Amino acid sequence: MSFRSFTLGAAAAVFALSTLATGAQAADLEKVKLGFAKCAHCLPMALTPELAKGVEIEAINFNSGNDVLTALVSKSIDVAQVTYLHYITALDKGFDVVAVSGQVNGGSEILTAKGIDLKAGDWDGLKALAAARKEKGEPLRVAASRGNAQDIHMRGAFQKHGINVNKDVQFVNIPNPSDHAAALQRGEVDVICTVEPFASQIRSSGVGTPFALPYDQAAGNLTNLIVTRSDVIKEHPKAVEGTVASVVALVDKLKSDQTVWVNVINKYTGMDKAVAAEALKNAAPDYAMHKDSTLAIAGMMRDLKYITRDVSAEAEKNLNYSFLEGVTKKPKTELGF
């Protein structure tokens, strides 16, 4: 045997062993099923598998945050991208949920249908219109997807400006945000609080008119939260840490490169990239978990009778900063605590 043939044979053997080792390592990776909703600031979660290190993530798309939360508590998935509202609602119902990271905030907008003659931000005018319609027996029809962040943003803003969503208007629940534009176009509702990119779709098509960004309430612009269950943390802490690391990497990526964000919105919704880019003007990537605002949200939801009891203690206790601290090397005091 020549030296050359021996060398090539040895190299092939080393390559084969290396390939087997890599395959074995991949097989040894813990697998995480991660659910996310269909909205502009939720859809980037589809990018987490390619950003994951030390864990294999299967990212699964759902129509709404309610569907994602249901999948988590039924143990169909391990980690969920939901909203602060879902987190508080789940605790109120006694579900086992633990928050481990933020993701993206913002994305909510109130729009009015054609024929509603109001200037943007004219809350006194909206209050007067609601009162007049109620007196006529034709209540103003206000829509949102009940249980989503946009619903609580809208209810909090209406309450602050003296409008009771349960008494002064007729609330219309449209579960799937992708149906919001059609409801406005058909004249089924007068006012809607929707989520991006559907808000931008409504604006660009002329179906609705911008009225306000509903952040002037206790929840501010807080929207998305990454949650899991205590059993997942106990049994698979490294997998949870790897998932949080991928979310942190995602947030950093979104801050520096909106092209990938636009592309993923286009891929999952089929919306024009110009509409997708417009949607990102109302989105703020942020992996911090804001404790004080979370407790304020819990209080506001109780005041609005959205939940049945005070869950403030549980809401604070179940904010687990340890994974964010480990990944970012920052103390929790710099992560929203």
C-alpha atoms as a PDB file:
ATOM      1  CA  MET A   1       0.000   0.000   0.000  1.00  0.00           C
ATOM      2  CA  SER A   2       1.363   3.425  -0.922  1.00  0.00           C
ATOM      3  CA  PHE A   3       1.686   6.242   1.593  1.00  0.00           C
ATOM      4  CA  ARG A   4      -0.849   8.254  -0.425  1.00  0.00           C
ATOM      5  CA  SER A   5      -3.506   5.524  -0.354  1.00  0.00           C
ATOM      6  CA  PHE A   6      -2.911   4.975   3.365  1.00  0.00           C
ATOM      7  CA  THR A   7      -3.272   8.713   4.019  1.00  0.00           C
ATOM      8  CA  LEU A   8      -6.511   8.933   2.022  1.00  0.00           C
ATOM      9  CA  GLY A   9      -7.855   5.872   3.807  1.00  0.00           C
ATOM     10  CA  ALA A  10      -6.978   7.298   7.182  1.00  0.00           C
ATOM     11  CA  ALA A  11      -8.580  10.618   6.278  1.00  0.00           C
ATOM     12  CA  ALA A  12     -11.755   8.856   5.168  1.00  0.00           C
ATOM     13  CA  ALA A  13     -11.850   6.925   8.420  1.00  0.00           C
ATOM     14  CA  VAL A  14     -11.385  10.097  10.476  1.00  0.00           C
ATOM     15  CA  PHE A  15     -14.139  11.827   8.476  1.00  0.00           C
ATOM     16  CA  ALA A  16     -16.485   8.882   8.991  1.00  0.00           C
ATOM     17  CA  LEU A  17     -15.830   8.848  12.730  1.00  0.00           C
ATOM     18  CA  SER A  18     -16.315  12.617  12.868  1.00  0.00           C
ATOM     19  CA  THR A  19     -19.626  12.345  11.018  1.00  0.00           C
ATOM     20  CA  LEU A  20     -20.801   9.589  13.339  1.00  0.00           C
ATOM     21  CA  ALA A  21     -19.810  11.659  16.366  1.00  0.00           C
ATOM     22  CA  THR A  22     -21.652  14.711  15.043  1.00  0.00           C
ATOM     23  CA  GLY A  23     -24.705  12.581  14.339  1.00  0.00           C
ATOM     24  CA  ALA A  24     -24.550  11.098  17.821  1.00  0.00           C
ATOM     25  CA  GLN A  25     -24.271  14.568  19.360  1.00  0.00           C
ATOM     26  CA  ALA A  26     -27.288  15.749  17.354  1.00  0.00           C
ATOM     27  CA  ALA A  27     -29.219  12.688  18.465  1.00  0.00           C
ATOM     28  CA  ASP A  28     -28.305  13.467  22.074  1.00  0.00           C
ATOM     29  CA  LEU A  29     -29.723  17.010  21.903  1.00  0.00           C
ATOM     30  CA  GLU A  30     -32.868  17.532  23.943  1.00  0.00           C
ATOM     31  CA  LYS A  31     -35.863  18.384  21.800  1.00  0.00           C
ATOM     32  CA  VAL A  32     -38.229  21.235  22.628  1.00  0.00           C
ATOM     33  CA  LYS A  33     -41.623  21.875  21.045  1.00  0.00           C
ATOM     34  CA  LEU A  34     -42.180  25.625  20.961  1.00  0.00           C
ATOM     35  CA  GLY A  35     -45.497  27.222  20.018  1.00  0.00           C
ATOM     36  CA  PHE A  36     -46.014  30.737  18.678  1.00  0.00           C
ATOM     37  CA  ALA A  37     -48.950  32.768  17.377  1.00  0.00           C
ATOM     38  CA  LYS A  38     -49.667  34.394  14.026  1.00  0.00           C
ATOM     39  CA  CYS A  39     -48.804  38.075  14.447  1.00  0.00           C
ATOM     40  CA  ALA A  40     -45.977  40.334  13.290  1.00  0.00           C
ATOM     41  CA  HIS A  41     -44.094  40.250  16.588  1.00  0.00           C
ATOM     42  CA  CYS A  42     -44.831  36.559  17.196  1.00  0.00           C
ATOM     43  CA  LEU A  43     -43.800  35.121  13.823  1.00  0.00           C
ATOM     44  CA  PRO A  44     -40.035  35.685  14.280  1.00  0.00           C
ATOM     45  CA  MET A  45     -40.181  32.791  16.752  1.00  0.00           C
ATOM     46  CA  ALA A  46     -40.054  30.638  13.609  1.00  0.00           C
ATOM     47  CA  LEU A  47     -36.368  31.601  13.406  1.00  0.00           C
ATOM     48  CA  THR A  48     -35.439  30.151  16.816  1.00  0.00           C
ATOM     49  CA  PRO A  49     -34.530  26.651  15.526  1.00  0.00           C
ATOM     50  CA  GLU A  50     -31.682  28.016  13.413  1.00  0.00           C
ATOM     51  CA  LEU A  51     -30.437  30.137  16.317  1.00  0.00           C
ATOM     52  CA  ALA A  52     -30.570  27.307  18.868  1.00  0.00           C
ATOM     53  CA  LYS A  53     -27.405  25.857  20.401  1.00  0.00           C
ATOM     54  CA  GLY A  54     -27.392  22.804  22.634  1.00  0.00           C
ATOM     55  CA  VAL A  55     -31.085  22.162  22.032  1.00  0.00           C
ATOM     56  CA  GLU A  56     -33.222  21.111  19.086  1.00  0.00           C
ATOM     57  CA  ILE A  57     -36.277  23.349  18.724  1.00  0.00           C
ATOM     58  CA  GLU A  58     -39.379  22.459  16.759  1.00  0.00           C
ATOM     59  CA  ALA A  59     -41.263  25.733  16.204  1.00  0.00           C
ATOM     60  CA  ILE A  60     -45.027  25.295  15.694  1.00  0.00           C
ATOM     61  CA  ASN A  61     -47.332  28.066  14.432  1.00  0.00           C
ATOM     62  CA  PHE A  62     -50.835  28.553  15.900  1.00  0.00           C
ATOM     63  CA  ASN A  63     -53.598  30.971  14.889  1.00  0.00           C
ATOM     64  CA  SER A  64     -53.702  32.778  18.239  1.00  0.00           C
ATOM     65  CA  GLY A  65     -52.089  33.089  21.642  1.00  0.00           C
ATOM     66  CA  ASN A  66     -55.111  31.351  23.180  1.00  0.00           C
ATOM     67  CA  ASP A  67     -54.389  28.284  21.058  1.00  0.00           C
ATOM     68  CA  VAL A  68     -50.723  28.355  22.085  1.00  0.00           C
ATOM     69  CA  LEU A  69     -51.598  28.557  25.789  1.00  0.00           C
ATOM     70  CA  THR A  70     -54.041  25.656  25.439  1.00  0.00           C
ATOM     71  CA  ALA A  71     -51.314  23.562  23.816  1.00  0.00           C
ATOM     72  CA  LEU A  72     -48.890  24.378  26.648  1.00  0.00           C
ATOM     73  CA  VAL A  73     -51.198  23.537  29.543  1.00  0.00           C
ATOM     74  CA  SER A  74     -52.323  20.337  27.794  1.00  0.00           C
ATOM     75  CA  LYS A  75     -48.636  19.389  27.447  1.00  0.00           C
ATOM     76  CA  SER A  76     -48.745  19.257  23.649  1.00  0.00           C
ATOM     77  CA  ILE A  77     -45.809  21.697  23.603  1.00  0.00           C
ATOM     78  CA  ASP A  78     -43.048  22.510  26.092  1.00  0.00           C
ATOM     79  CA  VAL A  79     -42.503  26.247  25.672  1.00  0.00           C
ATOM     80  CA  ALA A  80     -44.940  28.917  24.481  1.00  0.00           C
ATOM     81  CA  GLN A  81     -44.808  32.430  23.162  1.00  0.00           C
ATOM     82  CA  VAL A  82     -47.938  34.034  24.589  1.00  0.00           C
ATOM     83  CA  THR A  83     -48.704  37.458  26.096  1.00  0.00           C
ATOM     84  CA  TYR A  84     -48.569  38.976  29.556  1.00  0.00           C
ATOM     85  CA  LEU A  85     -52.369  38.784  29.523  1.00  0.00           C
ATOM     86  CA  HIS A  86     -52.289  35.032  28.848  1.00  0.00           C
ATOM     87  CA  TYR A  87     -49.802  34.644  31.697  1.00  0.00           C
ATOM     88  CA  ILE A  88     -52.090  36.416  34.175  1.00  0.00           C
ATOM     89  CA  THR A  89     -55.197  34.621  32.890  1.00  0.00           C
ATOM     90  CA  ALA A  90     -53.489  31.231  33.205  1.00  0.00           C
ATOM     91  CA  LEU A  91     -52.501  31.939  36.806  1.00  0.00           C
ATOM     92  CA  ASP A  92     -56.057  33.016  37.591  1.00  0.00           C
ATOM     93  CA  LYS A  93     -57.276  29.634  36.313  1.00  0.00           C
ATOM     94  CA  GLY A  94     -54.697  27.756  38.370  1.00  0.00           C
ATOM     95  CA  PHE A  95     -52.591  26.598  35.428  1.00  0.00           C
ATOM     96  CA  ASP A  96     -48.913  25.767  35.862  1.00  0.00           C
ATOM     97  CA  VAL A  97     -47.086  28.477  33.899  1.00  0.00           C
ATOM     98  CA  VAL A  98     -43.666  30.005  34.515  1.00  0.00           C
ATOM     99  CA  ALA A  99     -42.370  33.005  32.565  1.00  0.00           C
ATOM    100  CA  VAL A 100     -38.723  32.757  31.464  1.00  0.00           C
ATOM    101  CA  SER A 101     -38.172  35.572  28.943  1.00  0.00           C
ATOM    102  CA  GLY A 102     -39.672  38.517  27.146  1.00  0.00           C
ATOM    103  CA  GLN A 103     -39.654  38.695  23.335  1.00  0.00           C
ATOM    104  CA  VAL A 104     -41.299  41.607  21.461  1.00  0.00           C
ATOM    105  CA  ASN A 105     -43.622  44.339  22.744  1.00  0.00           C
ATOM    106  CA  GLY A 106     -46.041  46.653  20.944  1.00  0.00           C
ATOM    107  CA  GLY A 107     -48.095  45.668  17.911  1.00  0.00           C
ATOM    108  CA  SER A 108     -51.543  46.915  19.025  1.00  0.00           C
ATOM    109  CA  GLU A 109     -53.663  49.544  17.270  1.00  0.00           C
ATOM    110  CA  ILE A 110     -57.243  50.816  17.497  1.00  0.00           C
ATOM    111  CA  LEU A 111     -58.861  51.583  14.145  1.00  0.00           C
ATOM    112  CA  THR A 112     -62.314  52.850  13.152  1.00  0.00           C
ATOM    113  CA  ALA A 113     -64.508  51.676  10.290  1.00  0.00           C
ATOM    114  CA  LYS A 114     -65.623  53.831   7.373  1.00  0.00           C
ATOM    115  CA  GLY A 115     -68.461  56.101   8.391  1.00  0.00           C
ATOM    116  CA  ILE A 116     -67.140  56.678  11.916  1.00  0.00           C
ATOM    117  CA  ASP A 117     -66.283  60.383  11.850  1.00  0.00           C
ATOM    118  CA  LEU A 118     -63.605  60.733  14.509  1.00  0.00           C
ATOM    119  CA  LYS A 119     -60.185  62.344  14.460  1.00  0.00           C
ATOM    120  CA  ALA A 120     -57.236  60.288  15.663  1.00  0.00           C
ATOM    121  CA  GLY A 121     -56.910  60.456  19.443  1.00  0.00           C
ATOM    122  CA  ASP A 122     -60.313  62.122  19.985  1.00  0.00           C
ATOM    123  CA  TRP A 123     -61.298  60.102  23.020  1.00  0.00           C
ATOM    124  CA  ASP A 124     -63.925  62.634  24.122  1.00  0.00           C
ATOM    125  CA  GLY A 125     -65.520  62.299  20.708  1.00  0.00           C
ATOM    126  CA  LEU A 126     -65.461  58.483  20.953  1.00  0.00           C
ATOM    127  CA  LYS A 127     -67.009  58.617  24.421  1.00  0.00           C
ATOM    128  CA  ALA A 128     -69.770  60.945  23.179  1.00  0.00           C
ATOM    129  CA  LEU A 129     -70.429  58.739  20.148  1.00  0.00           C
ATOM    130  CA  ALA A 130     -70.663  55.629  22.339  1.00  0.00           C
ATOM    131  CA  ALA A 131     -73.125  57.395  24.649  1.00  0.00           C
ATOM    132  CA  ALA A 132     -75.265  58.627  21.741  1.00  0.00           C
ATOM    133  CA  ARG A 133     -75.386  55.199  20.099  1.00  0.00           C
ATOM    134  CA  LYS A 134     -76.251  53.544  23.409  1.00  0.00           C
ATOM    135  CA  GLU A 135     -79.121  55.986  23.975  1.00  0.00           C
ATOM    136  CA  LYS A 136     -80.504  55.176  20.510  1.00  0.00           C
ATOM    137  CA  GLY A 137     -80.370  51.480  21.274  1.00  0.00           C
ATOM    138  CA  GLU A 138     -77.726  50.958  18.617  1.00  0.00           C
ATOM    139  CA  PRO A 139     -74.567  50.435  20.709  1.00  0.00           C
ATOM    140  CA  LEU A 140     -71.162  51.044  19.191  1.00  0.00           C
ATOM    141  CA  ARG A 141     -69.712  47.693  18.148  1.00  0.00           C
ATOM    142  CA  VAL A 142     -66.140  47.346  19.416  1.00  0.00           C
ATOM    143  CA  ALA A 143     -64.121  44.277  18.432  1.00  0.00           C
ATOM    144  CA  ALA A 144     -60.940  42.491  19.436  1.00  0.00           C
ATOM    145  CA  SER A 145     -59.726  38.930  19.901  1.00  0.00           C
ATOM    146  CA  ARG A 146     -60.754  38.225  23.474  1.00  0.00           C
ATOM    147  CA  GLY A 147     -57.839  36.927  25.516  1.00  0.00           C
ATOM    148  CA  ASN A 148     -55.131  38.572  23.418  1.00  0.00           C
ATOM    149  CA  ALA A 149     -52.928  41.486  24.452  1.00  0.00           C
ATOM    150  CA  GLN A 150     -54.820  43.833  22.128  1.00  0.00           C
ATOM    151  CA  ASP A 151     -58.033  43.131  24.032  1.00  0.00           C
ATOM    152  CA  ILE A 152     -56.577  44.145  27.385  1.00  0.00           C
ATOM    153  CA  HIS A 153     -54.730  47.134  25.849  1.00  0.00           C
ATOM    154  CA  MET A 154     -58.036  48.318  24.378  1.00  0.00           C
ATOM    155  CA  ARG A 155     -60.081  47.709  27.541  1.00  0.00           C
ATOM    156  CA  GLY A 156     -57.548  49.521  29.700  1.00  0.00           C
ATOM    157  CA  ALA A 157     -57.411  52.503  27.350  1.00  0.00           C
ATOM    158  CA  PHE A 158     -61.221  52.684  27.091  1.00  0.00           C
ATOM    159  CA  GLN A 159     -61.554  52.524  30.879  1.00  0.00           C
ATOM    160  CA  LYS A 160     -59.017  55.324  31.325  1.00  0.00           C
ATOM    161  CA  HIS A 161     -61.071  57.534  29.011  1.00  0.00           C
ATOM    162  CA  GLY A 162     -64.375  56.794  30.731  1.00  0.00           C
ATOM    163  CA  ILE A 163     -65.782  54.111  28.432  1.00  0.00           C
ATOM    164  CA  ASN A 164     -66.927  50.822  29.979  1.00  0.00           C
ATOM    165  CA  VAL A 165     -66.493  48.054  27.405  1.00  0.00           C
ATOM    166  CA  ASN A 166     -69.001  45.865  29.271  1.00  0.00           C
ATOM    167  CA  LYS A 167     -71.737  48.505  29.567  1.00  0.00           C
ATOM    168  CA  ASP A 168     -71.233  51.417  27.178  1.00  0.00           C
ATOM    169  CA  VAL A 169     -70.540  49.520  23.949  1.00  0.00           C
ATOM    170  CA  GLN A 170     -71.260  46.128  22.411  1.00  0.00           C
ATOM    171  CA  PHE A 171     -68.123  43.995  22.506  1.00  0.00           C
ATOM    172  CA  VAL A 172     -67.611  41.685  19.530  1.00  0.00           C
ATOM    173  CA  ASN A 173     -65.150  38.810  19.851  1.00  0.00           C
ATOM    174  CA  ILE A 174     -63.336  37.883  16.630  1.00  0.00           C
ATOM    175  CA  PRO A 175     -60.977  35.073  17.719  1.00  0.00           C
ATOM    176  CA  ASN A 176     -58.692  34.999  14.666  1.00  0.00           C
ATOM    177  CA  PRO A 177     -56.956  38.364  14.019  1.00  0.00           C
ATOM    178  CA  SER A 178     -56.671  37.539  10.324  1.00  0.00           C
ATOM    179  CA  ASP A 179     -60.480  37.991  10.157  1.00  0.00           C
ATOM    180  CA  HIS A 180     -60.402  41.553  11.525  1.00  0.00           C
ATOM    181  CA  ALA A 181     -60.018  43.353   8.183  1.00  0.00           C
ATOM    182  CA  ALA A 182     -62.962  41.483   6.668  1.00  0.00           C
ATOM    183  CA  ALA A 183     -65.189  42.305   9.651  1.00  0.00           C
ATOM    184  CA  LEU A 184     -64.443  46.007   9.224  1.00  0.00           C
ATOM    185  CA  GLN A 185     -64.943  45.840   5.469  1.00  0.00           C
ATOM    186  CA  ARG A 186     -68.331  44.117   5.819  1.00  0.00           C
ATOM    187  CA  GLY A 187     -69.471  46.738   8.337  1.00  0.00           C
ATOM    188  CA  GLU A 188     -69.897  44.195  11.110  1.00  0.00           C
ATOM    189  CA  VAL A 189     -67.994  46.356  13.636  1.00  0.00           C
ATOM    190  CA  ASP A 190     -67.390  50.072  14.148  1.00  0.00           C
ATOM    191  CA  VAL A 191     -64.121  50.024  16.070  1.00  0.00           C
ATOM    192  CA  ILE A 192     -61.467  47.333  16.336  1.00  0.00           C
ATOM    193  CA  CYS A 193     -58.271  46.813  18.278  1.00  0.00           C
ATOM    194  CA  THR A 194     -56.080  44.507  16.257  1.00  0.00           C
ATOM    195  CA  VAL A 195     -52.512  43.314  16.069  1.00  0.00           C
ATOM    196  CA  GLU A 196     -49.768  43.864  13.520  1.00  0.00           C
ATOM    197  CA  PRO A 197     -49.403  43.102  10.637  1.00  0.00           C
ATOM    198  CA  PHE A 198     -53.200  43.086  10.315  1.00  0.00           C
ATOM    199  CA  ALA A 199     -53.387  46.713  11.504  1.00  0.00           C
ATOM    200  CA  SER A 200     -51.040  47.761   8.704  1.00  0.00           C
ATOM    201  CA  GLN A 201     -53.060  45.685   6.249  1.00  0.00           C
ATOM    202  CA  ILE A 202     -56.223  47.532   7.311  1.00  0.00           C
ATOM    203  CA  ARG A 203     -54.533  50.942   7.007  1.00  0.00           C
ATOM    204  CA  SER A 204     -52.955  50.239   3.620  1.00  0.00           C
ATOM    205  CA  SER A 205     -56.213  48.901   2.140  1.00  0.00           C
ATOM    206  CA  GLY A 206     -58.256  51.836   3.407  1.00  0.00           C
ATOM    207  CA  VAL A 207     -60.708  49.501   5.155  1.00  0.00           C
ATOM    208  CA  GLY A 208     -60.131  51.283   8.473  1.00  0.00           C
ATOM    209  CA  THR A 209     -58.741  54.545   9.852  1.00  0.00           C
ATOM    210  CA  PRO A 210     -56.094  54.770  12.601  1.00  0.00           C
ATOM    211  CA  PHE A 211     -57.477  56.051  15.887  1.00  0.00           C
ATOM    212  CA  ALA A 212     -54.910  55.347  18.627  1.00  0.00           C
ATOM    213  CA  LEU A 213     -52.117  53.139  19.899  1.00  0.00           C
ATOM    214  CA  PRO A 214     -53.676  51.865  23.156  1.00  0.00           C
ATOM    215  CA  TYR A 215     -50.620  52.082  25.384  1.00  0.00           C
ATOM    216  CA  ASP A 216     -51.906  54.752  27.754  1.00  0.00           C
ATOM    217  CA  GLN A 217     -52.861  52.240  30.451  1.00  0.00           C
ATOM    218  CA  ALA A 218     -51.230  50.005  33.076  1.00  0.00           C
ATOM    219  CA  ALA A 219     -49.966  47.419  30.594  1.00  0.00           C
ATOM    220  CA  GLY A 220     -48.164  50.054  28.522  1.00  0.00           C
ATOM    221  CA  ASN A 221     -46.939  48.379  25.339  1.00  0.00           C
ATOM    222  CA  LEU A 222     -46.038  45.048  26.992  1.00  0.00           C
ATOM    223  CA  THR A 223     -47.094  42.207  24.764  1.00  0.00           C
ATOM    224  CA  ASN A 224     -45.137  38.983  24.360  1.00  0.00           C
ATOM    225  CA  LEU A 225     -43.790  36.631  27.000  1.00  0.00           C
ATOM    226  CA  ILE A 226     -42.074  33.240  26.764  1.00  0.00           C
ATOM    227  CA  VAL A 227     -43.532  30.751  29.246  1.00  0.00           C
ATOM    228  CA  THR A 228     -43.152  27.096  30.119  1.00  0.00           C
ATOM    229  CA  ARG A 229     -44.280  24.749  32.898  1.00  0.00           C
ATOM    230  CA  SER A 230     -42.560  23.886  36.184  1.00  0.00           C
ATOM    231  CA  ASP A 231     -42.250  20.216  35.179  1.00  0.00           C
ATOM    232  CA  VAL A 232     -40.328  21.177  32.032  1.00  0.00           C
ATOM    233  CA  ILE A 233     -37.955  23.341  34.094  1.00  0.00           C
ATOM    234  CA  LYS A 234     -37.436  20.558  36.623  1.00  0.00           C
ATOM    235  CA  GLU A 235     -36.854  17.780  34.106  1.00  0.00           C
ATOM    236  CA  HIS A 236     -35.157  19.694  31.263  1.00  0.00           C
ATOM    237  CA  PRO A 237     -33.404  22.808  32.652  1.00  0.00           C
ATOM    238  CA  LYS A 238     -30.681  22.766  29.976  1.00  0.00           C
ATOM    239  CA  ALA A 239     -33.289  22.609  27.225  1.00  0.00           C
ATOM    240  CA  VAL A 240     -35.112  25.597  28.721  1.00  0.00           C
ATOM    241  CA  GLU A 241     -31.837  27.506  28.992  1.00  0.00           C
ATOM    242  CA  GLY A 242     -31.037  26.689  25.364  1.00  0.00           C
ATOM    243  CA  THR A 243     -34.462  27.897  24.296  1.00  0.00           C
ATOM    244  CA  VAL A 244     -34.085  31.163  26.223  1.00  0.00           C
ATOM    245  CA  ALA A 245     -30.652  31.605  24.631  1.00  0.00           C
ATOM    246  CA  SER A 246     -32.233  31.277  21.188  1.00  0.00           C
ATOM    247  CA  VAL A 247     -34.839  33.926  22.108  1.00  0.00           C
ATOM    248  CA  VAL A 248     -32.113  36.291  23.321  1.00  0.00           C
ATOM    249  CA  ALA A 249     -30.211  35.716  20.065  1.00  0.00           C
ATOM    250  CA  LEU A 250     -33.436  36.327  18.142  1.00  0.00           C
ATOM    251  CA  VAL A 251     -34.110  39.645  19.896  1.00  0.00           C
ATOM    252  CA  ASP A 252     -30.566  40.812  19.183  1.00  0.00           C
ATOM    253  CA  LYS A 253     -30.991  39.776  15.532  1.00  0.00           C
ATOM    254  CA  LEU A 254     -34.303  41.602  15.155  1.00  0.00           C
ATOM    255  CA  LYS A 255     -32.786  44.786  16.526  1.00  0.00           C
ATOM    256  CA  SER A 256     -30.050  44.755  13.894  1.00  0.00           C
ATOM    257  CA  ASP A 257     -31.727  43.199  10.846  1.00  0.00           C
ATOM    258  CA  GLN A 258     -35.385  43.795  10.051  1.00  0.00           C
ATOM    259  CA  THR A 259     -35.077  42.091   6.666  1.00  0.00           C
ATOM    260  CA  VAL A 260     -35.368  38.623   8.216  1.00  0.00           C
ATOM    261  CA  TRP A 261     -38.375  39.859  10.187  1.00  0.00           C
ATOM    262  CA  VAL A 262     -40.131  41.151   7.072  1.00  0.00           C
ATOM    263  CA  ASN A 263     -39.383  37.900   5.247  1.00  0.00           C
ATOM    264  CA  VAL A 264     -40.852  35.681   7.954  1.00  0.00           C
ATOM    265  CA  ILE A 265     -44.050  37.781   8.116  1.00  0.00           C
ATOM    266  CA  ASN A 266     -44.346  37.514   4.335  1.00  0.00           C
ATOM    267  CA  LYS A 267     -43.777  33.753   4.477  1.00  0.00           C
ATOM    268  CA  TYR A 268     -46.423  32.993   7.105  1.00  0.00           C
ATOM    269  CA  THR A 269     -49.117  35.547   6.183  1.00  0.00           C
ATOM    270  CA  GLY A 270     -48.544  36.100   2.464  1.00  0.00           C
ATOM    271  CA  MET A 271     -48.711  39.853   3.077  1.00  0.00           C
ATOM    272  CA  ASP A 272     -46.814  42.260   0.892  1.00  0.00           C
ATOM    273  CA  LYS A 273     -43.344  43.017   2.257  1.00  0.00           C
ATOM    274  CA  ALA A 274     -44.121  46.738   2.299  1.00  0.00           C
ATOM    275  CA  VAL A 275     -47.044  46.058   4.659  1.00  0.00           C
ATOM    276  CA  ALA A 276     -44.817  43.838   6.788  1.00  0.00           C
ATOM    277  CA  ALA A 277     -42.176  46.559   7.008  1.00  0.00           C
ATOM    278  CA  GLU A 278     -44.835  49.075   8.038  1.00  0.00           C
ATOM    279  CA  ALA A 279     -45.944  46.739  10.827  1.00  0.00           C
ATOM    280  CA  LEU A 280     -42.496  46.808  12.386  1.00  0.00           C
ATOM    281  CA  LYS A 281     -42.805  50.511  13.171  1.00  0.00           C
ATOM    282  CA  ASN A 282     -45.049  49.397  16.036  1.00  0.00           C
ATOM    283  CA  ALA A 283     -42.840  46.660  17.468  1.00  0.00           C
ATOM    284  CA  ALA A 284     -40.083  46.689  20.083  1.00  0.00           C
ATOM    285  CA  PRO A 285     -37.840  43.608  20.554  1.00  0.00           C
ATOM    286  CA  ASP A 286     -37.143  43.127  24.267  1.00  0.00           C
ATOM    287  CA  TYR A 287     -36.188  39.971  26.174  1.00  0.00           C
ATOM    288  CA  ALA A 288     -36.573  41.577  29.621  1.00  0.00           C
ATOM    289  CA  MET A 289     -39.519  40.623  31.846  1.00  0.00           C
ATOM    290  CA  HIS A 290     -40.985  43.768  33.439  1.00  0.00           C
ATOM    291  CA  LYS A 291     -42.095  42.851  36.945  1.00  0.00           C
ATOM    292  CA  ASP A 292     -43.728  46.114  38.073  1.00  0.00           C
ATOM    293  CA  SER A 293     -45.718  46.421  34.857  1.00  0.00           C
ATOM    294  CA  THR A 294     -46.709  42.754  35.108  1.00  0.00           C
ATOM    295  CA  LEU A 295     -48.173  43.403  38.550  1.00  0.00           C
ATOM    296  CA  ALA A 296     -49.915  46.520  37.218  1.00  0.00           C
ATOM    297  CA  ILE A 297     -51.440  44.415  34.436  1.00  0.00           C
ATOM    298  CA  ALA A 298     -52.685  41.904  37.016  1.00  0.00           C
ATOM    299  CA  GLY A 299     -54.317  44.730  38.972  1.00  0.00           C
ATOM    300  CA  MET A 300     -55.910  46.247  35.873  1.00  0.00           C
ATOM    301  CA  MET A 301     -57.259  42.862  34.757  1.00  0.00           C
ATOM    302  CA  ARG A 302     -58.802  42.350  38.187  1.00  0.00           C
ATOM    303  CA  ASP A 303     -60.373  45.835  38.075  1.00  0.00           C
ATOM    304  CA  LEU A 304     -61.790  45.071  34.634  1.00  0.00           C
ATOM    305  CA  LYS A 305     -63.152  41.773  36.008  1.00  0.00           C
ATOM    306  CA  TYR A 306     -61.097  39.971  33.400  1.00  0.00           C
ATOM    307  CA  ILE A 307     -59.840  37.662  36.151  1.00  0.00           C
ATOM    308  CA  THR A 308     -61.602  36.493  39.289  1.00  0.00           C
ATOM    309  CA  ARG A 309     -58.974  37.087  41.970  1.00  0.00           C
ATOM    310  CA  ASP A 310     -55.747  38.849  42.872  1.00  0.00           C
ATOM    311  CA  VAL A 311     -52.860  36.862  41.366  1.00  0.00           C
ATOM    312  CA  SER A 312     -50.127  39.447  42.026  1.00  0.00           C
ATOM    313  CA  ALA A 313     -48.146  37.204  44.380  1.00  0.00           C
ATOM    314  CA  GLU A 314     -48.161  34.305  41.917  1.00  0.00           C
ATOM    315  CA  ALA A 315     -47.384  36.609  39.004  1.00  0.00           C
ATOM    316  CA  GLU A 316     -44.216  37.813  40.738  1.00  0.00           C
ATOM    317  CA  LYS A 317     -43.231  34.387  42.060  1.00  0.00           C
ATOM    318  CA  ASN A 318     -43.539  32.732  38.642  1.00  0.00           C
ATOM    319  CA  LEU A 319     -41.274  35.209  36.867  1.00  0.00           C
ATOM    320  CA  ASN A 320     -38.148  33.030  36.680  1.00  0.00           C
ATOM    321  CA  TYR A 321     -35.147  35.200  35.766  1.00  0.00           C
ATOM    322  CA  SER A 322     -32.518  32.492  36.272  1.00  0.00           C
ATOM    323  CA  PHE A 323     -32.324  31.439  32.608  1.00  0.00           C
ATOM    324  CA  LEU A 324     -32.075  35.016  31.337  1.00  0.00           C
ATOM    325  CA  GLU A 325     -29.405  35.726  33.938  1.00  0.00           C
ATOM    326  CA  GLY A 326     -27.423  32.664  32.869  1.00  0.00           C
ATOM    327  CA  VAL A 327     -27.654  33.464  29.163  1.00  0.00           C
ATOM    328  CA  THR A 328     -27.067  37.233  29.275  1.00  0.00           C
ATOM    329  CA  LYS A 329     -24.692  37.270  32.286  1.00  0.00           C
ATOM    330  CA  LYS A 330     -26.757  40.173  33.627  1.00  0.00           C
ATOM    331  CA  PRO A 331     -28.409  40.399  37.072  1.00  0.00           C
ATOM    332  CA  LYS A 332     -32.190  40.335  37.129  1.00  0.00           C
ATOM    333  CA  THR A 333     -32.201  43.970  38.194  1.00  0.00           C
ATOM    334  CA  GLU A 334     -31.105  44.727  34.621  1.00  0.00           C
ATOM    335  CA  LEU A 335     -33.672  42.341  33.155  1.00  0.00           C
ATOM    336  CA  GLY A 336     -36.874  43.982  34.349  1.00  0.00           C
ATOM    337  CA  PHE A 337     -37.031  42.808  37.981  1.00  0.00           C
END
